[in-house]
PDB file of N, CA and C in Angstrom:
ATOM      1  N   UNK A   1     -15.113  29.585 -41.614  1.00  0.00           N
ATOM      2  CA  UNK A   1     -14.254  30.467 -41.080  1.00  0.00           C
ATOM      3  C   UNK A   1     -13.909  30.747 -42.133  1.00  0.00           C
ATOM      4  N   UNK A   2     -14.491  31.970 -42.681  1.00  0.00           N
ATOM      5  CA  UNK A   2     -13.926  32.320 -44.430  1.00  0.00           C
ATOM      6  C   UNK A   2     -13.043  32.106 -44.539  1.00  0.00           C
ATOM      7  N   UNK A   3     -11.834  31.787 -45.869  1.00  0.00           N
ATOM      8  CA  UNK A   3     -10.349  31.951 -46.066  1.00  0.00           C
ATOM      9  C   UNK A   3     -10.389  34.024 -46.582  1.00  0.00           C
ATOM     10  N   UNK A   4     -11.025  34.914 -45.931  1.00  0.00           N
ATOM     11  CA  UNK A   4     -10.415  35.880 -45.894  1.00  0.00           C
ATOM     12  C   UNK A   4     -10.076  36.821 -45.014  1.00  0.00           C
ATOM     13  N   UNK A   5     -10.800  36.167 -43.768  1.00  0.00           N
ATOM     14  CA  UNK A   5     -11.064  36.358 -42.325  1.00  0.00           C
ATOM     15  C   UNK A   5      -9.338  35.172 -41.453  1.00  0.00           C
ATOM     16  N   UNK A   6      -8.920  33.989 -42.158  1.00  0.00           N
ATOM     17  CA  UNK A   6      -8.037  33.446 -41.856  1.00  0.00           C
ATOM     18  C   UNK A   6      -6.861  34.066 -42.713  1.00  0.00           C
ATOM     19  N   UNK A   7      -6.680  33.885 -44.090  1.00  0.00           N
ATOM     20  CA  UNK A   7      -5.494  34.987 -44.620  1.00  0.00           C
ATOM     21  C   UNK A   7      -5.188  36.564 -43.124  1.00  0.00           C
ATOM     22  N   UNK A   8      -6.200  37.415 -43.405  1.00  0.00           N
ATOM     23  CA  UNK A   8      -5.991  37.993 -42.336  1.00  0.00           C
ATOM     24  C   UNK A   8      -5.259  38.034 -40.809  1.00  0.00           C
ATOM     25  N   UNK A   9      -5.469  36.628 -40.145  1.00  0.00           N
ATOM     26  CA  UNK A   9      -5.271  36.076 -39.603  1.00  0.00           C
ATOM     27  C   UNK A   9      -3.452  35.700 -39.682  1.00  0.00           C
ATOM     28  N   UNK A  10      -3.352  35.321 -40.517  1.00  0.00           N
ATOM     29  CA  UNK A  10      -1.561  34.865 -40.356  1.00  0.00           C
ATOM     30  C   UNK A  10      -1.072  36.444 -40.770  1.00  0.00           C
ATOM     31  N   UNK A  11      -1.591  38.052 -41.010  1.00  0.00           N
ATOM     32  CA  UNK A  11      -1.172  39.132 -41.358  1.00  0.00           C
ATOM     33  C   UNK A  11      -0.606  39.776 -40.293  1.00  0.00           C
ATOM     34  N   UNK A  12       0.541  39.929 -40.182  1.00  0.00           N
ATOM     35  CA  UNK A  12       1.438  40.928 -38.997  1.00  0.00           C
ATOM     36  C   UNK A  12       0.187  42.204 -39.146  1.00  0.00           C
ATOM     37  N   UNK A  13       0.894  42.822 -37.576  1.00  0.00           N
ATOM     38  CA  UNK A  13       0.188  44.275 -37.737  1.00  0.00           C
ATOM     39  C   UNK A  13       0.207  45.068 -38.674  1.00  0.00           C
ATOM     40  N   UNK A  14       1.520  45.519 -38.860  1.00  0.00           N
ATOM     41  CA  UNK A  14       1.812  46.533 -39.432  1.00  0.00           C
ATOM     42  C   UNK A  14       1.324  46.926 -40.475  1.00  0.00           C
ATOM     43  N   UNK A  15       1.135  44.866 -41.512  1.00  0.00           N
ATOM     44  CA  UNK A  15       0.899  44.542 -42.909  1.00  0.00           C
ATOM     45  C   UNK A  15      -1.045  45.600 -42.906  1.00  0.00           C
ATOM     46  N   UNK A  16      -1.399  44.693 -41.943  1.00  0.00           N
ATOM     47  CA  UNK A  16      -3.403  44.870 -41.961  1.00  0.00           C
ATOM     48  C   UNK A  16      -3.256  46.768 -41.725  1.00  0.00           C
ATOM     49  N   UNK A  17      -2.349  47.031 -41.003  1.00  0.00           N
ATOM     50  CA  UNK A  17      -2.948  49.136 -41.239  1.00  0.00           C
ATOM     51  C   UNK A  17      -2.405  49.296 -42.420  1.00  0.00           C
ATOM     52  N   UNK A  18      -1.570  48.902 -43.007  1.00  0.00           N
ATOM     53  CA  UNK A  18      -1.339  49.051 -44.509  1.00  0.00           C
ATOM     54  C   UNK A  18      -2.397  49.166 -45.445  1.00  0.00           C
ATOM     55  N   UNK A  19      -2.619  47.215 -44.983  1.00  0.00           N
ATOM     56  CA  UNK A  19      -4.511  47.551 -45.937  1.00  0.00           C
ATOM     57  C   UNK A  19      -5.546  47.516 -45.476  1.00  0.00           C
ATOM     58  N   UNK A  20      -5.901  47.971 -44.432  1.00  0.00           N
ATOM     59  CA  UNK A  20      -6.573  49.728 -43.697  1.00  0.00           C
ATOM     60  C   UNK A  20      -6.327  50.192 -44.465  1.00  0.00           C
ATOM     61  N   UNK A  21      -5.344  50.809 -44.633  1.00  0.00           N
ATOM     62  CA  UNK A  21      -5.552  51.884 -45.373  1.00  0.00           C
ATOM     63  C   UNK A  21      -5.704  52.062 -47.095  1.00  0.00           C
ATOM     64  N   UNK A  22      -5.045  51.381 -47.139  1.00  0.00           N
ATOM     65  CA  UNK A  22      -5.606  50.977 -48.682  1.00  0.00           C
ATOM     66  C   UNK A  22      -7.033  50.963 -49.007  1.00  0.00           C
ATOM     67  N   UNK A  23      -7.659  50.199 -48.059  1.00  0.00           N
ATOM     68  CA  UNK A  23      -9.119  50.047 -48.756  1.00  0.00           C
ATOM     69  C   UNK A  23     -10.379  51.489 -47.776  1.00  0.00           C
ATOM     70  N   UNK A  24      -9.248  52.242 -46.855  1.00  0.00           N
ATOM     71  CA  UNK A  24     -10.496  53.436 -47.524  1.00  0.00           C
ATOM     72  C   UNK A  24      -9.978  53.965 -47.598  1.00  0.00           C
ATOM     73  N   UNK A  25      -8.333  54.114 -48.265  1.00  0.00           N
ATOM     74  CA  UNK A  25      -8.421  54.973 -49.319  1.00  0.00           C
ATOM     75  C   UNK A  25      -9.346  54.582 -50.796  1.00  0.00           C
ATOM     76  N   UNK A  26     -10.048  53.524 -51.011  1.00  0.00           N
ATOM     77  CA  UNK A  26     -10.340  53.273 -51.933  1.00  0.00           C
ATOM     78  C   UNK A  26     -11.781  53.320 -51.943  1.00  0.00           C
ATOM     79  N   UNK A  27     -11.871  53.008 -50.120  1.00  0.00           N
ATOM     80  CA  UNK A  27     -13.512  53.128 -50.142  1.00  0.00           C
ATOM     81  C   UNK A  27     -13.824  54.469 -50.151  1.00  0.00           C
ATOM     82  N   UNK A  28     -12.853  55.423 -50.342  1.00  0.00           N
ATOM     83  CA  UNK A  28     -13.416  57.411 -50.130  1.00  0.00           C
ATOM     84  C   UNK A  28     -13.165  57.514 -52.367  1.00  0.00           C
ATOM     85  N   UNK A  29     -12.075  56.819 -52.945  1.00  0.00           N
ATOM     86  CA  UNK A  29     -12.490  56.794 -54.156  1.00  0.00           C
ATOM     87  C   UNK A  29     -13.815  56.866 -54.569  1.00  0.00           C
ATOM     88  N   UNK A  30     -14.647  55.699 -54.227  1.00  0.00           N
ATOM     89  CA  UNK A  30     -15.303  54.771 -54.881  1.00  0.00           C
ATOM     90  C   UNK A  30     -16.618  55.860 -54.642  1.00  0.00           C
ATOM     91  N   UNK A  31     -16.962  55.787 -52.832  1.00  0.00           N
ATOM     92  CA  UNK A  31     -17.643  56.902 -52.847  1.00  0.00           C
ATOM     93  C   UNK A  31     -17.553  58.392 -53.292  1.00  0.00           C
ATOM     94  N   UNK A  32     -17.205  58.899 -54.391  1.00  0.00           N
ATOM     95  CA  UNK A  32     -16.734  59.928 -54.455  1.00  0.00           C
ATOM     96  C   UNK A  32     -17.104  59.782 -56.555  1.00  0.00           C
ATOM     97  N   UNK A  33     -16.736  58.679 -56.838  1.00  0.00           N
ATOM     98  CA  UNK A  33     -17.158  58.061 -57.940  1.00  0.00           C
ATOM     99  C   UNK A  33     -18.648  58.196 -58.484  1.00  0.00           C
ATOM    100  N   UNK A  34     -19.121  57.619 -57.124  1.00  0.00           N
ATOM    101  CA  UNK A  34     -20.522  57.354 -56.773  1.00  0.00           C
ATOM    102  C   UNK A  34     -21.375  58.407 -57.013  1.00  0.00           C
ATOM    103  N   UNK A  35     -20.560  59.200 -56.402  1.00  0.00           N
ATOM    104  CA  UNK A  35     -21.080  61.470 -56.080  1.00  0.00           C
ATOM    105  C   UNK A  35     -21.423  61.751 -57.789  1.00  0.00           C
ATOM    106  N   UNK A  36     -20.250  61.665 -57.666  1.00  0.00           N
ATOM    107  CA  UNK A  36     -20.477  62.483 -60.231  1.00  0.00           C
ATOM    108  C   UNK A  36     -21.012  61.363 -60.644  1.00  0.00           C
ATOM    109  N   UNK A  37     -21.316  59.485 -60.537  1.00  0.00           N
ATOM    110  CA  UNK A  37     -22.128  59.340 -61.197  1.00  0.00           C
ATOM    111  C   UNK A  37     -20.798  58.544 -62.102  1.00  0.00           C
ATOM    112  N   UNK A  38     -19.642  58.307 -61.478  1.00  0.00           N
ATOM    113  CA  UNK A  38     -19.135  57.115 -62.658  1.00  0.00           C
ATOM    114  C   UNK A  38     -18.577  56.214 -61.692  1.00  0.00           C
ATOM    115  N   UNK A  39     -19.347  55.951 -61.056  1.00  0.00           N
ATOM    116  CA  UNK A  39     -19.510  54.259 -60.424  1.00  0.00           C
ATOM    117  C   UNK A  39     -19.677  53.248 -61.340  1.00  0.00           C
ATOM    118  N   UNK A  40     -19.257  52.518 -62.017  1.00  0.00           N
ATOM    119  CA  UNK A  40     -19.315  51.164 -62.186  1.00  0.00           C
ATOM    120  C   UNK A  40     -19.927  50.045 -61.658  1.00  0.00           C
ATOM    121  N   UNK A  41     -18.890  49.633 -60.311  1.00  0.00           N
ATOM    122  CA  UNK A  41     -19.615  48.357 -59.772  1.00  0.00           C
ATOM    123  C   UNK A  41     -19.841  49.519 -58.383  1.00  0.00           C
ATOM    124  N   UNK A  42     -21.145  49.424 -58.203  1.00  0.00           N
ATOM    125  CA  UNK A  42     -21.880  49.749 -56.844  1.00  0.00           C
ATOM    126  C   UNK A  42     -21.718  49.057 -56.209  1.00  0.00           C
ATOM    127  N   UNK A  43     -21.395  47.795 -56.043  1.00  0.00           N
ATOM    128  CA  UNK A  43     -21.611  46.051 -55.488  1.00  0.00           C
ATOM    129  C   UNK A  43     -20.059  46.612 -54.181  1.00  0.00           C
ATOM    130  N   UNK A  44     -18.997  46.570 -54.992  1.00  0.00           N
ATOM    131  CA  UNK A  44     -17.831  47.320 -54.952  1.00  0.00           C
ATOM    132  C   UNK A  44     -17.583  47.809 -53.561  1.00  0.00           C
ATOM    133  N   UNK A  45     -18.433  48.555 -53.424  1.00  0.00           N
ATOM    134  CA  UNK A  45     -18.619  49.675 -52.317  1.00  0.00           C
ATOM    135  C   UNK A  45     -18.912  48.160 -50.902  1.00  0.00           C
ATOM    136  N   UNK A  46     -20.296  47.727 -51.174  1.00  0.00           N
ATOM    137  CA  UNK A  46     -19.896  46.533 -49.989  1.00  0.00           C
ATOM    138  C   UNK A  46     -19.064  46.276 -49.520  1.00  0.00           C
ATOM    139  N   UNK A  47     -18.498  45.458 -50.908  1.00  0.00           N
ATOM    140  CA  UNK A  47     -16.823  44.654 -49.866  1.00  0.00           C
ATOM    141  C   UNK A  47     -16.023  45.708 -49.850  1.00  0.00           C
ATOM    142  N   UNK A  48     -15.763  46.871 -50.230  1.00  0.00           N
ATOM    143  CA  UNK A  48     -14.629  47.306 -49.644  1.00  0.00           C
ATOM    144  C   UNK A  48     -14.890  48.119 -47.998  1.00  0.00           C
ATOM    145  N   UNK A  49     -16.325  48.212 -48.012  1.00  0.00           N
ATOM    146  CA  UNK A  49     -16.740  48.517 -46.235  1.00  0.00           C
ATOM    147  C   UNK A  49     -17.034  47.272 -45.168  1.00  0.00           C
ATOM    148  N   UNK A  50     -17.451  46.365 -45.868  1.00  0.00           N
ATOM    149  CA  UNK A  50     -16.920  44.573 -45.256  1.00  0.00           C
ATOM    150  C   UNK A  50     -15.744  44.171 -44.829  1.00  0.00           C
ATOM    151  N   UNK A  51     -14.919  44.649 -46.194  1.00  0.00           N
ATOM    152  CA  UNK A  51     -13.151  45.282 -45.392  1.00  0.00           C
ATOM    153  C   UNK A  51     -12.206  45.324 -44.763  1.00  0.00           C
ATOM    154  N   UNK A  52     -13.334  46.921 -44.376  1.00  0.00           N
ATOM    155  CA  UNK A  52     -12.923  47.906 -43.682  1.00  0.00           C
ATOM    156  C   UNK A  52     -12.640  47.134 -42.395  1.00  0.00           C
ATOM    157  N   UNK A  53     -13.986  46.574 -42.398  1.00  0.00           N
ATOM    158  CA  UNK A  53     -15.049  46.226 -40.899  1.00  0.00           C
ATOM    159  C   UNK A  53     -14.004  44.962 -40.762  1.00  0.00           C
ATOM    160  N   UNK A  54     -13.722  43.786 -41.511  1.00  0.00           N
ATOM    161  CA  UNK A  54     -13.043  43.028 -41.063  1.00  0.00           C
ATOM    162  C   UNK A  54     -11.838  42.717 -40.707  1.00  0.00           C
ATOM    163  N   UNK A  55     -10.822  43.968 -41.242  1.00  0.00           N
ATOM    164  CA  UNK A  55     -10.021  44.435 -40.554  1.00  0.00           C
ATOM    165  C   UNK A  55      -9.615  44.538 -39.422  1.00  0.00           C
ATOM    166  N   UNK A  56     -10.299  46.087 -39.085  1.00  0.00           N
ATOM    167  CA  UNK A  56     -10.455  46.802 -37.647  1.00  0.00           C
ATOM    168  C   UNK A  56     -11.229  45.600 -36.549  1.00  0.00           C
ATOM    169  N   UNK A  57     -12.473  44.342 -36.853  1.00  0.00           N
ATOM    170  CA  UNK A  57     -12.156  43.493 -36.362  1.00  0.00           C
ATOM    171  C   UNK A  57     -11.138  42.446 -35.536  1.00  0.00           C
ATOM    172  N   UNK A  58     -10.650  42.602 -36.341  1.00  0.00           N
ATOM    173  CA  UNK A  58      -8.903  41.626 -36.434  1.00  0.00           C
ATOM    174  C   UNK A  58      -8.193  42.424 -35.673  1.00  0.00           C
ATOM    175  N   UNK A  59      -7.621  43.765 -35.941  1.00  0.00           N
ATOM    176  CA  UNK A  59      -7.055  44.365 -34.810  1.00  0.00           C
ATOM    177  C   UNK A  59      -7.801  44.911 -34.129  1.00  0.00           C
ATOM    178  N   UNK A  60      -9.125  44.675 -33.198  1.00  0.00           N
ATOM    179  CA  UNK A  60      -9.339  45.008 -32.241  1.00  0.00           C
ATOM    180  C   UNK A  60      -9.474  43.521 -31.094  1.00  0.00           C
ATOM    181  N   UNK A  61      -9.555  42.614 -32.247  1.00  0.00           N
ATOM    182  CA  UNK A  61      -9.641  40.916 -31.481  1.00  0.00           C
ATOM    183  C   UNK A  61      -7.956  41.111 -30.868  1.00  0.00           C
ATOM    184  N   UNK A  62      -6.902  41.116 -31.742  1.00  0.00           N
ATOM    185  CA  UNK A  62      -5.868  41.525 -30.731  1.00  0.00           C
ATOM    186  C   UNK A  62      -5.197  42.579 -30.077  1.00  0.00           C
ATOM    187  N   UNK A  63      -6.142  43.602 -29.838  1.00  0.00           N
ATOM    188  CA  UNK A  63      -5.441  44.488 -29.224  1.00  0.00           C
ATOM    189  C   UNK A  63      -6.055  44.097 -27.851  1.00  0.00           C
ATOM    190  N   UNK A  64      -7.433  43.470 -28.021  1.00  0.00           N
ATOM    191  CA  UNK A  64      -8.579  42.442 -26.406  1.00  0.00           C
ATOM    192  C   UNK A  64      -7.378  41.160 -26.233  1.00  0.00           C
ATOM    193  N   UNK A  65      -6.787  40.217 -26.962  1.00  0.00           N
ATOM    194  CA  UNK A  65      -5.902  39.169 -26.427  1.00  0.00           C
ATOM    195  C   UNK A  65      -4.508  39.697 -26.071  1.00  0.00           C
ATOM    196  N   UNK A  66      -3.804  40.563 -26.083  1.00  0.00           N
ATOM    197  CA  UNK A  66      -2.862  42.066 -25.775  1.00  0.00           C
ATOM    198  C   UNK A  66      -2.708  42.320 -24.368  1.00  0.00           C
ATOM    199  N   UNK A  67      -4.374  42.072 -24.143  1.00  0.00           N
ATOM    200  CA  UNK A  67      -4.642  42.800 -22.915  1.00  0.00           C
ATOM    201  C   UNK A  67      -4.864  42.102 -22.155  1.00  0.00           C
ATOM    202  N   UNK A  68      -5.249  41.003 -22.602  1.00  0.00           N
ATOM    203  CA  UNK A  68      -5.254  39.773 -21.267  1.00  0.00           C
ATOM    204  C   UNK A  68      -4.275  38.909 -21.060  1.00  0.00           C
ATOM    205  N   UNK A  69      -2.959  39.153 -22.309  1.00  0.00           N
ATOM    206  CA  UNK A  69      -2.259  38.750 -22.013  1.00  0.00           C
ATOM    207  C   UNK A  69      -1.412  39.212 -20.534  1.00  0.00           C
ATOM    208  N   UNK A  70      -1.614  41.457 -21.335  1.00  0.00           N
ATOM    209  CA  UNK A  70      -0.799  41.659 -20.200  1.00  0.00           C
ATOM    210  C   UNK A  70      -1.379  41.155 -18.297  1.00  0.00           C
ATOM    211  N   UNK A  71      -3.176  41.463 -18.442  1.00  0.00           N
ATOM    212  CA  UNK A  71      -3.915  41.642 -16.965  1.00  0.00           C
ATOM    213  C   UNK A  71      -3.509  39.950 -16.287  1.00  0.00           C
ATOM    214  N   UNK A  72      -2.662  39.020 -17.280  1.00  0.00           N
ATOM    215  CA  UNK A  72      -3.355  37.648 -16.686  1.00  0.00           C
ATOM    216  C   UNK A  72      -1.251  37.271 -15.893  1.00  0.00           C
ATOM    217  N   UNK A  73      -0.451  37.948 -16.959  1.00  0.00           N
ATOM    218  CA  UNK A  73       0.921  38.194 -16.863  1.00  0.00           C
ATOM    219  C   UNK A  73       0.743  38.629 -15.517  1.00  0.00           C
ATOM    220  N   UNK A  74       0.080  39.837 -15.202  1.00  0.00           N
ATOM    221  CA  UNK A  74       0.326  40.633 -13.365  1.00  0.00           C
ATOM    222  C   UNK A  74       0.038  39.894 -12.501  1.00  0.00           C
ATOM    223  N   UNK A  75      -1.597  39.807 -13.105  1.00  0.00           N
ATOM    224  CA  UNK A  75      -2.004  38.737 -11.302  1.00  0.00           C
ATOM    225  C   UNK A  75      -0.586  37.449 -11.232  1.00  0.00           C
ATOM    226  N   UNK A  76       0.117  36.733 -12.231  1.00  0.00           N
ATOM    227  CA  UNK A  76       0.739  35.621 -12.176  1.00  0.00           C
ATOM    228  C   UNK A  76       1.865  36.064 -11.257  1.00  0.00           C
ATOM    229  N   UNK A  77       2.212  37.410 -11.647  1.00  0.00           N
ATOM    230  CA  UNK A  77       3.832  38.046 -10.924  1.00  0.00           C
ATOM    231  C   UNK A  77       3.166  38.288  -9.276  1.00  0.00           C
TER     232      UNK A  77
END
């Protein structure tokens, strides 16, 4: 497992949402720079896009795990 994925697993939900907002803002700025011709490192676009995807994946995994735990609690009750 990648180091970045492991670091996301150790972070709380609120921190993940903060990181997601920052990454989306950075992605917006990079796209804006790309359109205006001011972007120096075009590879950064892909890196930030993947960062957003990793964070969204981790949030979704947590959502699914919480739903399964709730379902299991209801079944045992």
